[in-house]
Amino acid sequence: MSISRRGLLIGLPLLLAGCASSGVMNPQDRYAALPDEEHPVKRVPIDRIKPELRRQEVAYETPYPAGTIVVNTPERRLYYVLGEGRAMRYGVGVGRAGLALAGNAYIGRKAEWPSWTPTANMMRRDPRNRKYAGGVPGGPNNPLGARALYLYRGGNDTMFRIHGTNQPQTIGLAMSSGCIRMMNHDVIDLFEKAKVGGRVVVQQA
């Protein structure tokens, strides 16, 4: 069957539109099941995540270079700078008033399914944490979730982390002991992008 030149030109815009739309990820796909993880991560129905807290690429003008992580504490958002006016934006949970990190840091190390041991200050503020003084192994019941980025200054661990969580309902809230919480799907995505030594800027206002 032959196709006229006019028919081909009419059909071309539809073909190109189909190609363009095929590169856009369905929001639900960002939160699909991850069965190959050491501890498999279940699918999160997209309707359980507020639209403004879902991971998405956005326009983002900033003086910071690509590879920088910017945490906007009041906004409850984390931006991974992609460059050329773009960033990947994630919803996060942040520290309660007086407990949040502020200023500059860098990623001192990264860990998959990290273990967790409460700090002395955490045990002092909440004696219930004393039962975990010996540490909690990595896994679905660990409060650090699937990944952790350890924040350092001047070669020293600040004891603050960007990490996953086993309490996804806290994303978008200010209720942690100072660390920056992310959905496990999101922290896995950020973990793959971020490099050890990468700059982290935590904005408080």
N, C-alpha and C. Protein backbone atom coordinates (compact mmCIF):
# COMPACT_ATOMS: atom_id res chain seq x y z
N MET A 1 0.86 -1.19 0.00
CA MET A 1 0.00 0.00 0.00
C MET A 1 0.89 1.23 0.00
N SER A 2 0.61 2.17 -0.91
CA SER A 2 1.41 3.37 -0.99
C SER A 2 0.82 4.47 -0.12
N ILE A 3 1.68 5.37 0.39
CA ILE A 3 1.26 6.49 1.22
C ILE A 3 1.67 7.77 0.51
N SER A 4 0.72 8.67 0.31
CA SER A 4 1.03 9.91 -0.38
C SER A 4 1.93 10.78 0.48
N ARG A 5 2.66 11.70 -0.18
CA ARG A 5 3.55 12.62 0.55
C ARG A 5 2.73 13.47 1.52
N ARG A 6 1.51 13.90 1.09
CA ARG A 6 0.67 14.73 1.95
C ARG A 6 0.23 13.93 3.19
N GLY A 7 -0.13 12.66 2.97
CA GLY A 7 -0.54 11.82 4.11
C GLY A 7 0.60 11.61 5.08
N LEU A 8 1.82 11.46 4.56
CA LEU A 8 2.99 11.27 5.42
C LEU A 8 3.23 12.51 6.27
N LEU A 9 3.10 13.70 5.65
CA LEU A 9 3.33 14.95 6.39
C LEU A 9 2.27 15.17 7.46
N ILE A 10 1.03 14.77 7.16
CA ILE A 10 -0.03 14.92 8.16
C ILE A 10 0.22 13.99 9.35
N GLY A 11 0.70 12.79 9.04
CA GLY A 11 0.94 11.83 10.12
C GLY A 11 2.20 12.09 10.91
N LEU A 12 3.14 12.85 10.34
CA LEU A 12 4.42 13.07 10.99
C LEU A 12 4.31 13.73 12.35
N PRO A 13 3.50 14.81 12.51
CA PRO A 13 3.40 15.42 13.84
C PRO A 13 2.92 14.45 14.91
N LEU A 14 1.98 13.54 14.54
CA LEU A 14 1.50 12.57 15.51
C LEU A 14 2.60 11.61 15.91
N LEU A 15 3.42 11.20 14.92
CA LEU A 15 4.53 10.31 15.20
C LEU A 15 5.53 10.97 16.13
N LEU A 16 5.86 12.23 15.85
CA LEU A 16 6.82 12.95 16.68
C LEU A 16 6.27 13.18 18.08
N ALA A 17 4.96 13.46 18.17
CA ALA A 17 4.36 13.65 19.48
C ALA A 17 4.45 12.38 20.30
N GLY A 18 4.25 11.23 19.63
CA GLY A 18 4.35 9.96 20.34
C GLY A 18 5.75 9.72 20.85
N CYS A 19 6.76 10.07 20.04
CA CYS A 19 8.15 9.90 20.46
C CYS A 19 8.46 10.79 21.64
N ALA A 20 7.98 12.04 21.60
CA ALA A 20 8.27 12.98 22.67
C ALA A 20 7.65 12.54 23.97
N SER A 21 6.41 12.05 23.93
CA SER A 21 5.73 11.68 25.17
C SER A 21 6.29 10.41 25.76
N SER A 22 6.90 9.55 24.93
CA SER A 22 7.40 8.28 25.44
C SER A 22 8.57 8.47 26.39
N GLY A 23 9.23 9.63 26.38
CA GLY A 23 10.36 9.86 27.26
C GLY A 23 9.97 10.39 28.63
N VAL A 24 8.68 10.64 28.85
CA VAL A 24 8.22 11.18 30.12
C VAL A 24 7.85 10.02 31.04
N MET A 25 8.46 9.96 32.22
CA MET A 25 8.19 8.86 33.14
C MET A 25 6.86 9.07 33.85
N ASN A 26 6.06 8.02 33.88
CA ASN A 26 4.85 8.03 34.66
C ASN A 26 5.22 8.19 36.13
N PRO A 27 4.59 9.13 36.86
CA PRO A 27 4.95 9.32 38.28
C PRO A 27 4.89 8.03 39.09
N GLN A 28 3.94 7.13 38.77
CA GLN A 28 3.84 5.89 39.53
C GLN A 28 5.08 5.02 39.34
N ASP A 29 5.70 5.10 38.15
CA ASP A 29 6.88 4.27 37.89
C ASP A 29 8.04 4.63 38.80
N ARG A 30 8.07 5.86 39.29
CA ARG A 30 9.14 6.26 40.20
C ARG A 30 9.03 5.55 41.55
N TYR A 31 7.85 5.02 41.83
CA TYR A 31 7.61 4.39 43.13
C TYR A 31 7.16 2.93 42.96
N ALA A 32 7.63 2.30 41.89
CA ALA A 32 7.32 0.90 41.63
C ALA A 32 8.09 0.01 42.61
N ALA A 33 7.68 -1.25 42.71
CA ALA A 33 8.38 -2.20 43.58
C ALA A 33 9.84 -2.35 43.13
N LEU A 34 10.72 -2.55 44.11
CA LEU A 34 12.16 -2.76 43.84
C LEU A 34 12.54 -4.12 44.40
N PRO A 35 12.21 -5.19 43.68
CA PRO A 35 12.42 -6.55 44.21
C PRO A 35 13.87 -6.97 44.31
N ASP A 36 14.78 -6.28 43.60
CA ASP A 36 16.18 -6.69 43.58
C ASP A 36 17.01 -6.09 44.71
N GLU A 37 16.38 -5.26 45.54
CA GLU A 37 17.09 -4.70 46.70
C GLU A 37 17.43 -5.81 47.70
N GLU A 38 18.46 -5.59 48.51
CA GLU A 38 18.82 -6.54 49.57
C GLU A 38 17.60 -6.83 50.45
N HIS A 39 16.85 -5.79 50.72
CA HIS A 39 15.56 -5.93 51.40
C HIS A 39 14.53 -5.33 50.44
N PRO A 40 13.78 -6.17 49.73
CA PRO A 40 12.88 -5.66 48.68
C PRO A 40 11.97 -4.53 49.18
N VAL A 41 11.84 -3.53 48.32
CA VAL A 41 11.03 -2.35 48.64
C VAL A 41 9.70 -2.47 47.90
N LYS A 42 8.61 -2.33 48.64
CA LYS A 42 7.28 -2.47 48.04
C LYS A 42 6.91 -1.24 47.22
N ARG A 43 6.03 -1.44 46.28
CA ARG A 43 5.45 -0.35 45.50
C ARG A 43 4.67 0.57 46.43
N VAL A 44 4.77 1.88 46.18
CA VAL A 44 3.99 2.85 46.93
C VAL A 44 2.94 3.43 45.99
N PRO A 45 1.65 3.21 46.27
CA PRO A 45 0.62 3.80 45.40
C PRO A 45 0.78 5.31 45.32
N ILE A 46 0.72 5.83 44.11
CA ILE A 46 1.00 7.25 43.91
C ILE A 46 0.02 8.14 44.66
N ASP A 47 -1.20 7.67 44.88
CA ASP A 47 -2.18 8.51 45.58
C ASP A 47 -1.88 8.65 47.07
N ARG A 48 -0.90 7.91 47.55
CA ARG A 48 -0.50 8.05 48.95
C ARG A 48 0.59 9.11 49.13
N ILE A 49 1.08 9.64 48.03
CA ILE A 49 2.13 10.67 48.09
C ILE A 49 1.55 11.97 47.55
N LYS A 50 1.56 13.02 48.35
CA LYS A 50 1.04 14.30 47.90
C LYS A 50 1.80 14.73 46.64
N PRO A 51 1.10 15.28 45.66
CA PRO A 51 1.76 15.65 44.40
C PRO A 51 2.99 16.52 44.60
N GLU A 52 2.94 17.46 45.56
CA GLU A 52 4.07 18.36 45.77
C GLU A 52 5.27 17.68 46.42
N LEU A 53 5.08 16.46 46.94
CA LEU A 53 6.17 15.73 47.58
C LEU A 53 6.76 14.64 46.69
N ARG A 54 6.18 14.46 45.51
CA ARG A 54 6.68 13.42 44.60
C ARG A 54 7.98 13.86 43.91
N ARG A 55 8.85 12.91 43.70
CA ARG A 55 10.10 13.19 42.99
C ARG A 55 9.81 13.64 41.57
N GLN A 56 10.40 14.76 41.18
CA GLN A 56 10.22 15.24 39.82
C GLN A 56 11.30 16.23 39.44
N GLU A 57 11.61 16.28 38.15
CA GLU A 57 12.57 17.27 37.65
C GLU A 57 11.85 18.60 37.48
N VAL A 58 12.48 19.67 37.94
CA VAL A 58 11.85 20.99 37.92
C VAL A 58 12.85 22.04 37.45
N ALA A 59 12.31 23.20 37.06
CA ALA A 59 13.16 24.36 36.79
C ALA A 59 13.71 24.86 38.12
N TYR A 60 15.01 25.18 38.15
CA TYR A 60 15.62 25.57 39.42
C TYR A 60 16.86 26.42 39.14
N GLU A 61 16.72 27.71 39.34
CA GLU A 61 17.84 28.62 39.16
C GLU A 61 18.63 28.72 40.45
N THR A 62 19.92 28.50 40.39
CA THR A 62 20.75 28.50 41.59
C THR A 62 22.19 28.82 41.20
N PRO A 63 22.95 29.44 42.09
CA PRO A 63 24.37 29.67 41.79
C PRO A 63 25.23 28.42 42.01
N TYR A 64 24.65 27.39 42.62
CA TYR A 64 25.43 26.20 42.93
C TYR A 64 25.60 25.31 41.70
N PRO A 65 26.76 24.69 41.55
CA PRO A 65 27.02 23.86 40.37
C PRO A 65 26.28 22.53 40.41
N ALA A 66 26.22 21.89 39.25
CA ALA A 66 25.61 20.56 39.16
C ALA A 66 26.29 19.61 40.16
N GLY A 67 25.49 18.77 40.78
CA GLY A 67 26.01 17.83 41.77
C GLY A 67 25.82 18.29 43.20
N THR A 68 25.43 19.56 43.39
CA THR A 68 25.18 20.09 44.73
C THR A 68 23.80 19.65 45.20
N ILE A 69 23.71 19.32 46.48
CA ILE A 69 22.42 19.05 47.12
C ILE A 69 22.04 20.28 47.92
N VAL A 70 20.86 20.81 47.68
CA VAL A 70 20.35 21.96 48.43
C VAL A 70 19.10 21.52 49.17
N VAL A 71 19.11 21.65 50.49
CA VAL A 71 17.94 21.31 51.30
C VAL A 71 17.29 22.61 51.75
N ASN A 72 16.07 22.82 51.33
CA ASN A 72 15.30 23.98 51.74
C ASN A 72 14.42 23.53 52.91
N THR A 73 14.90 23.80 54.13
CA THR A 73 14.23 23.29 55.33
C THR A 73 12.81 23.81 55.48
N PRO A 74 12.56 25.14 55.38
CA PRO A 74 11.18 25.61 55.53
C PRO A 74 10.23 25.03 54.48
N GLU A 75 10.75 24.81 53.28
CA GLU A 75 9.93 24.32 52.18
C GLU A 75 9.72 22.81 52.26
N ARG A 76 10.58 22.12 53.05
CA ARG A 76 10.56 20.65 53.15
C ARG A 76 10.84 20.01 51.78
N ARG A 77 11.85 20.56 51.11
CA ARG A 77 12.23 20.05 49.80
C ARG A 77 13.75 19.90 49.73
N LEU A 78 14.19 18.92 48.98
CA LEU A 78 15.60 18.73 48.68
C LEU A 78 15.76 18.79 47.18
N TYR A 79 16.78 19.53 46.73
CA TYR A 79 17.06 19.68 45.30
C TYR A 79 18.44 19.12 45.00
N TYR A 80 18.50 18.25 44.01
CA TYR A 80 19.79 17.81 43.49
C TYR A 80 20.00 18.58 42.19
N VAL A 81 21.00 19.45 42.19
CA VAL A 81 21.21 20.36 41.07
C VAL A 81 21.72 19.59 39.85
N LEU A 82 21.00 19.69 38.75
CA LEU A 82 21.38 19.03 37.50
C LEU A 82 22.18 19.94 36.58
N GLY A 83 22.04 21.25 36.79
CA GLY A 83 22.70 22.22 35.91
C GLY A 83 21.74 22.74 34.85
N GLU A 84 22.15 23.83 34.19
CA GLU A 84 21.37 24.43 33.12
C GLU A 84 19.95 24.77 33.58
N GLY A 85 19.83 25.25 34.82
CA GLY A 85 18.55 25.70 35.33
C GLY A 85 17.58 24.60 35.70
N ARG A 86 18.08 23.39 35.94
CA ARG A 86 17.21 22.26 36.27
C ARG A 86 17.70 21.56 37.54
N ALA A 87 16.78 20.90 38.23
CA ALA A 87 17.12 20.12 39.42
C ALA A 87 16.11 19.00 39.59
N MET A 88 16.52 17.94 40.27
CA MET A 88 15.58 16.92 40.69
C MET A 88 15.11 17.31 42.09
N ARG A 89 13.80 17.40 42.25
CA ARG A 89 13.23 17.84 43.52
C ARG A 89 12.59 16.66 44.25
N TYR A 90 12.83 16.60 45.55
CA TYR A 90 12.27 15.54 46.39
C TYR A 90 11.60 16.16 47.62
N GLY A 91 10.50 15.57 48.07
CA GLY A 91 9.92 15.95 49.35
C GLY A 91 10.72 15.30 50.47
N VAL A 92 10.93 16.00 51.57
CA VAL A 92 11.71 15.47 52.68
C VAL A 92 11.03 15.79 54.01
N GLY A 93 11.43 15.06 55.03
CA GLY A 93 11.10 15.39 56.41
C GLY A 93 12.34 16.01 57.03
N VAL A 94 12.16 16.96 57.92
CA VAL A 94 13.31 17.69 58.49
C VAL A 94 13.25 17.66 60.01
N GLY A 95 14.29 18.23 60.63
CA GLY A 95 14.39 18.22 62.07
C GLY A 95 13.41 19.16 62.76
N ARG A 96 13.04 18.79 63.96
CA ARG A 96 12.21 19.68 64.77
C ARG A 96 12.97 20.97 65.07
N ALA A 97 12.25 22.01 65.44
CA ALA A 97 12.86 23.32 65.74
C ALA A 97 14.00 23.15 66.72
N GLY A 98 15.15 23.73 66.37
CA GLY A 98 16.32 23.68 67.24
C GLY A 98 17.20 22.47 67.05
N LEU A 99 16.76 21.51 66.22
CA LEU A 99 17.55 20.30 66.04
C LEU A 99 18.12 20.14 64.63
N ALA A 100 17.72 21.02 63.72
CA ALA A 100 18.10 20.85 62.32
C ALA A 100 19.50 21.40 62.04
N LEU A 101 20.18 20.75 61.13
CA LEU A 101 21.48 21.22 60.63
C LEU A 101 21.26 22.46 59.77
N ALA A 102 22.22 23.36 59.77
CA ALA A 102 22.17 24.54 58.91
C ALA A 102 23.55 24.80 58.32
N GLY A 103 23.58 25.36 57.12
CA GLY A 103 24.85 25.74 56.51
C GLY A 103 25.40 24.69 55.58
N ASN A 104 26.73 24.69 55.42
CA ASN A 104 27.40 23.84 54.44
C ASN A 104 27.96 22.57 55.06
N ALA A 105 27.93 21.52 54.28
CA ALA A 105 28.53 20.25 54.66
C ALA A 105 28.92 19.54 53.36
N TYR A 106 29.43 18.33 53.50
CA TYR A 106 29.70 17.52 52.31
C TYR A 106 29.45 16.07 52.66
N ILE A 107 29.28 15.27 51.62
CA ILE A 107 29.03 13.84 51.83
C ILE A 107 30.35 13.16 52.17
N GLY A 108 30.47 12.70 53.41
CA GLY A 108 31.69 12.04 53.84
C GLY A 108 31.73 10.57 53.46
N ARG A 109 30.59 9.95 53.45
CA ARG A 109 30.47 8.56 53.01
C ARG A 109 29.02 8.24 52.73
N LYS A 110 28.80 7.09 52.07
CA LYS A 110 27.46 6.64 51.74
C LYS A 110 27.33 5.18 52.17
N ALA A 111 26.10 4.76 52.47
CA ALA A 111 25.89 3.36 52.86
C ALA A 111 24.53 2.88 52.39
N GLU A 112 24.50 1.62 51.94
CA GLU A 112 23.25 0.97 51.58
C GLU A 112 22.74 0.17 52.76
N TRP A 113 21.44 0.27 53.03
CA TRP A 113 20.81 -0.39 54.17
C TRP A 113 21.69 -0.28 55.43
N PRO A 114 21.94 0.96 55.85
CA PRO A 114 22.88 1.20 56.96
C PRO A 114 22.34 0.74 58.32
N SER A 115 23.27 0.46 59.21
CA SER A 115 22.89 0.20 60.60
C SER A 115 22.67 1.55 61.28
N TRP A 116 22.04 1.54 62.43
CA TRP A 116 21.75 2.78 63.16
C TRP A 116 21.99 2.61 64.65
N THR A 117 22.68 3.59 65.22
CA THR A 117 22.88 3.64 66.67
C THR A 117 22.51 5.04 67.14
N PRO A 118 21.58 5.19 68.08
CA PRO A 118 21.21 6.53 68.54
C PRO A 118 22.40 7.23 69.20
N THR A 119 22.47 8.54 68.99
CA THR A 119 23.54 9.31 69.63
C THR A 119 23.23 9.50 71.12
N ALA A 120 24.25 9.95 71.86
CA ALA A 120 24.05 10.21 73.29
C ALA A 120 22.97 11.25 73.51
N ASN A 121 22.95 12.29 72.65
CA ASN A 121 21.92 13.32 72.78
C ASN A 121 20.53 12.75 72.53
N MET A 122 20.40 11.86 71.56
CA MET A 122 19.10 11.26 71.27
C MET A 122 18.61 10.43 72.45
N MET A 123 19.53 9.71 73.08
CA MET A 123 19.14 8.90 74.23
C MET A 123 18.81 9.77 75.44
N ARG A 124 19.49 10.90 75.53
CA ARG A 124 19.21 11.81 76.64
C ARG A 124 17.84 12.47 76.46
N ARG A 125 17.52 12.86 75.21
CA ARG A 125 16.23 13.50 74.94
C ARG A 125 15.07 12.52 75.06
N ASP A 126 15.30 11.29 74.65
CA ASP A 126 14.24 10.28 74.68
C ASP A 126 14.82 8.97 75.22
N PRO A 127 14.65 8.70 76.51
CA PRO A 127 15.22 7.50 77.12
C PRO A 127 14.79 6.20 76.45
N ARG A 128 13.71 6.22 75.69
CA ARG A 128 13.29 5.00 74.99
C ARG A 128 14.33 4.53 73.99
N ASN A 129 15.18 5.46 73.53
CA ASN A 129 16.22 5.09 72.57
C ASN A 129 17.35 4.29 73.20
N ARG A 130 17.40 4.23 74.53
CA ARG A 130 18.50 3.51 75.19
C ARG A 130 18.49 2.02 74.85
N LYS A 131 17.32 1.49 74.56
CA LYS A 131 17.26 0.06 74.23
C LYS A 131 17.94 -0.26 72.91
N TYR A 132 18.22 0.80 72.11
CA TYR A 132 18.91 0.61 70.84
C TYR A 132 20.39 0.98 70.93
N ALA A 133 20.90 1.15 72.12
CA ALA A 133 22.29 1.61 72.31
C ALA A 133 23.30 0.68 71.64
N GLY A 134 22.95 -0.59 71.51
CA GLY A 134 23.85 -1.55 70.88
C GLY A 134 23.78 -1.52 69.36
N GLY A 135 22.88 -0.71 68.83
CA GLY A 135 22.76 -0.58 67.38
C GLY A 135 21.63 -1.43 66.81
N VAL A 136 21.13 -1.00 65.67
CA VAL A 136 20.06 -1.70 64.95
C VAL A 136 20.60 -2.04 63.56
N PRO A 137 20.58 -3.32 63.17
CA PRO A 137 21.11 -3.67 61.84
C PRO A 137 20.25 -3.10 60.73
N GLY A 138 20.85 -2.97 59.55
CA GLY A 138 20.11 -2.46 58.40
C GLY A 138 18.96 -3.36 58.02
N GLY A 139 17.89 -2.77 57.53
CA GLY A 139 16.73 -3.55 57.13
C GLY A 139 15.47 -2.72 57.18
N PRO A 140 14.34 -3.32 56.88
CA PRO A 140 13.08 -2.57 56.81
C PRO A 140 12.64 -1.97 58.13
N ASN A 141 13.13 -2.47 59.25
CA ASN A 141 12.76 -1.91 60.56
C ASN A 141 13.74 -0.87 61.06
N ASN A 142 14.76 -0.57 60.26
CA ASN A 142 15.76 0.40 60.67
C ASN A 142 15.29 1.81 60.32
N PRO A 143 15.38 2.77 61.23
CA PRO A 143 14.90 4.12 60.95
C PRO A 143 15.67 4.87 59.87
N LEU A 144 16.86 4.38 59.47
CA LEU A 144 17.61 5.04 58.40
C LEU A 144 17.18 4.58 57.01
N GLY A 145 16.33 3.56 56.95
CA GLY A 145 15.81 3.14 55.67
C GLY A 145 16.84 2.51 54.75
N ALA A 146 16.62 2.69 53.45
CA ALA A 146 17.38 1.97 52.43
C ALA A 146 18.78 2.51 52.16
N ARG A 147 19.00 3.80 52.40
CA ARG A 147 20.29 4.42 52.10
C ARG A 147 20.56 5.55 53.09
N ALA A 148 21.83 5.87 53.26
CA ALA A 148 22.20 7.03 54.08
C ALA A 148 23.40 7.74 53.46
N LEU A 149 23.33 9.07 53.45
CA LEU A 149 24.45 9.93 53.08
C LEU A 149 24.89 10.62 54.36
N TYR A 150 26.14 10.42 54.75
CA TYR A 150 26.66 10.93 56.03
C TYR A 150 27.30 12.29 55.80
N LEU A 151 26.84 13.29 56.53
CA LEU A 151 27.27 14.67 56.31
C LEU A 151 28.44 15.03 57.22
N TYR A 152 29.50 15.56 56.61
CA TYR A 152 30.74 15.89 57.31
C TYR A 152 31.05 17.38 57.16
N ARG A 153 31.85 17.87 58.09
CA ARG A 153 32.45 19.21 58.02
C ARG A 153 33.88 19.10 58.51
N GLY A 154 34.82 19.64 57.74
CA GLY A 154 36.21 19.66 58.18
C GLY A 154 36.76 18.32 58.57
N GLY A 155 36.32 17.27 57.90
CA GLY A 155 36.81 15.93 58.19
C GLY A 155 36.11 15.24 59.33
N ASN A 156 35.14 15.90 59.95
CA ASN A 156 34.44 15.33 61.09
C ASN A 156 32.97 15.05 60.76
N ASP A 157 32.48 13.93 61.28
CA ASP A 157 31.09 13.56 61.10
C ASP A 157 30.20 14.51 61.92
N THR A 158 29.24 15.15 61.25
CA THR A 158 28.34 16.05 61.97
C THR A 158 27.28 15.29 62.76
N MET A 159 27.15 13.99 62.52
CA MET A 159 26.10 13.14 63.08
C MET A 159 24.74 13.39 62.44
N PHE A 160 24.70 14.22 61.39
CA PHE A 160 23.48 14.42 60.63
C PHE A 160 23.58 13.60 59.35
N ARG A 161 22.44 13.09 58.90
CA ARG A 161 22.40 12.28 57.68
C ARG A 161 21.23 12.69 56.79
N ILE A 162 21.37 12.37 55.53
CA ILE A 162 20.24 12.33 54.62
C ILE A 162 19.95 10.85 54.44
N HIS A 163 18.77 10.43 54.79
CA HIS A 163 18.53 8.98 54.80
C HIS A 163 17.09 8.64 54.45
N GLY A 164 16.85 7.36 54.21
CA GLY A 164 15.50 6.87 53.98
C GLY A 164 14.75 6.78 55.30
N THR A 165 13.59 6.17 55.26
CA THR A 165 12.81 6.06 56.49
C THR A 165 11.84 4.89 56.41
N ASN A 166 11.54 4.33 57.57
CA ASN A 166 10.47 3.33 57.65
C ASN A 166 9.17 3.97 58.13
N GLN A 167 9.14 5.32 58.12
CA GLN A 167 7.95 6.08 58.48
C GLN A 167 7.65 7.10 57.37
N PRO A 168 7.23 6.63 56.20
CA PRO A 168 7.03 7.54 55.06
C PRO A 168 5.98 8.63 55.32
N GLN A 169 5.12 8.42 56.30
CA GLN A 169 4.11 9.43 56.61
C GLN A 169 4.71 10.69 57.20
N THR A 170 5.99 10.66 57.60
CA THR A 170 6.64 11.84 58.17
C THR A 170 7.24 12.76 57.11
N ILE A 171 7.24 12.34 55.84
CA ILE A 171 7.78 13.19 54.79
C ILE A 171 6.90 14.43 54.65
N GLY A 172 7.55 15.59 54.58
CA GLY A 172 6.83 16.85 54.53
C GLY A 172 6.63 17.49 55.89
N LEU A 173 7.10 16.81 56.95
CA LEU A 173 6.92 17.31 58.31
C LEU A 173 8.26 17.65 58.95
N ALA A 174 8.21 18.37 60.06
CA ALA A 174 9.41 18.70 60.85
C ALA A 174 9.29 17.96 62.18
N MET A 175 9.84 16.77 62.23
CA MET A 175 9.68 15.98 63.46
C MET A 175 10.84 15.02 63.72
N SER A 176 11.91 15.10 62.92
CA SER A 176 13.04 14.20 63.15
C SER A 176 13.97 14.79 64.21
N SER A 177 14.99 14.03 64.56
CA SER A 177 15.99 14.49 65.53
C SER A 177 17.05 15.35 64.87
N GLY A 178 16.79 15.80 63.67
CA GLY A 178 17.71 16.69 62.97
C GLY A 178 18.11 16.21 61.60
N CYS A 179 17.99 14.90 61.35
CA CYS A 179 18.36 14.38 60.04
C CYS A 179 17.30 14.71 59.00
N ILE A 180 17.66 14.50 57.74
CA ILE A 180 16.79 14.79 56.61
C ILE A 180 16.29 13.46 56.08
N ARG A 181 14.98 13.24 56.20
CA ARG A 181 14.38 11.97 55.81
C ARG A 181 13.81 12.05 54.39
N MET A 182 13.93 10.92 53.69
CA MET A 182 13.36 10.81 52.35
C MET A 182 12.63 9.48 52.23
N MET A 183 11.69 9.40 51.29
CA MET A 183 11.08 8.11 50.98
C MET A 183 12.19 7.19 50.48
N ASN A 184 12.07 5.90 50.79
CA ASN A 184 13.13 4.97 50.39
C ASN A 184 13.38 4.99 48.88
N HIS A 185 12.32 5.05 48.08
CA HIS A 185 12.51 5.13 46.62
C HIS A 185 13.33 6.36 46.24
N ASP A 186 13.06 7.47 46.93
CA ASP A 186 13.74 8.72 46.59
C ASP A 186 15.19 8.72 47.03
N VAL A 187 15.46 8.20 48.22
CA VAL A 187 16.86 8.20 48.69
C VAL A 187 17.70 7.23 47.86
N ILE A 188 17.10 6.16 47.36
CA ILE A 188 17.83 5.26 46.46
C ILE A 188 18.20 6.00 45.18
N ASP A 189 17.27 6.78 44.66
CA ASP A 189 17.53 7.57 43.45
C ASP A 189 18.63 8.60 43.70
N LEU A 190 18.54 9.32 44.82
CA LEU A 190 19.55 10.34 45.15
C LEU A 190 20.91 9.69 45.39
N PHE A 191 20.93 8.55 46.05
CA PHE A 191 22.17 7.83 46.34
C PHE A 191 22.95 7.54 45.06
N GLU A 192 22.24 7.17 44.01
CA GLU A 192 22.89 6.86 42.73
C GLU A 192 23.48 8.11 42.08
N LYS A 193 22.87 9.26 42.31
CA LYS A 193 23.33 10.50 41.69
C LYS A 193 24.46 11.15 42.48
N ALA A 194 24.32 11.20 43.80
CA ALA A 194 25.24 11.95 44.66
C ALA A 194 26.59 11.23 44.80
N LYS A 195 27.65 12.01 44.90
CA LYS A 195 29.00 11.46 45.02
C LYS A 195 29.60 11.80 46.38
N VAL A 196 30.44 10.91 46.88
CA VAL A 196 31.18 11.20 48.10
C VAL A 196 32.04 12.45 47.85
N GLY A 197 32.00 13.39 48.75
CA GLY A 197 32.68 14.66 48.56
C GLY A 197 31.79 15.75 48.02
N GLY A 198 30.58 15.37 47.56
CA GLY A 198 29.65 16.35 47.01
C GLY A 198 29.16 17.33 48.07
N ARG A 199 28.95 18.58 47.64
CA ARG A 199 28.53 19.64 48.55
C ARG A 199 27.06 19.52 48.92
N VAL A 200 26.76 19.82 50.18
CA VAL A 200 25.39 19.86 50.67
C VAL A 200 25.17 21.21 51.35
N VAL A 201 24.12 21.90 50.95
CA VAL A 201 23.78 23.21 51.53
C VAL A 201 22.42 23.08 52.17
N VAL A 202 22.33 23.35 53.48
CA VAL A 202 21.07 23.27 54.19
C VAL A 202 20.62 24.69 54.54
N GLN A 203 19.52 25.10 53.92
CA GLN A 203 19.00 26.45 54.10
C GLN A 203 17.90 26.44 55.16
N GLN A 204 18.00 27.37 56.12
CA GLN A 204 17.00 27.45 57.18
C GLN A 204 15.99 28.56 56.96
N ALA A 205 16.23 29.44 56.03
CA ALA A 205 15.29 30.53 55.77
C ALA A 205 15.36 30.93 54.31
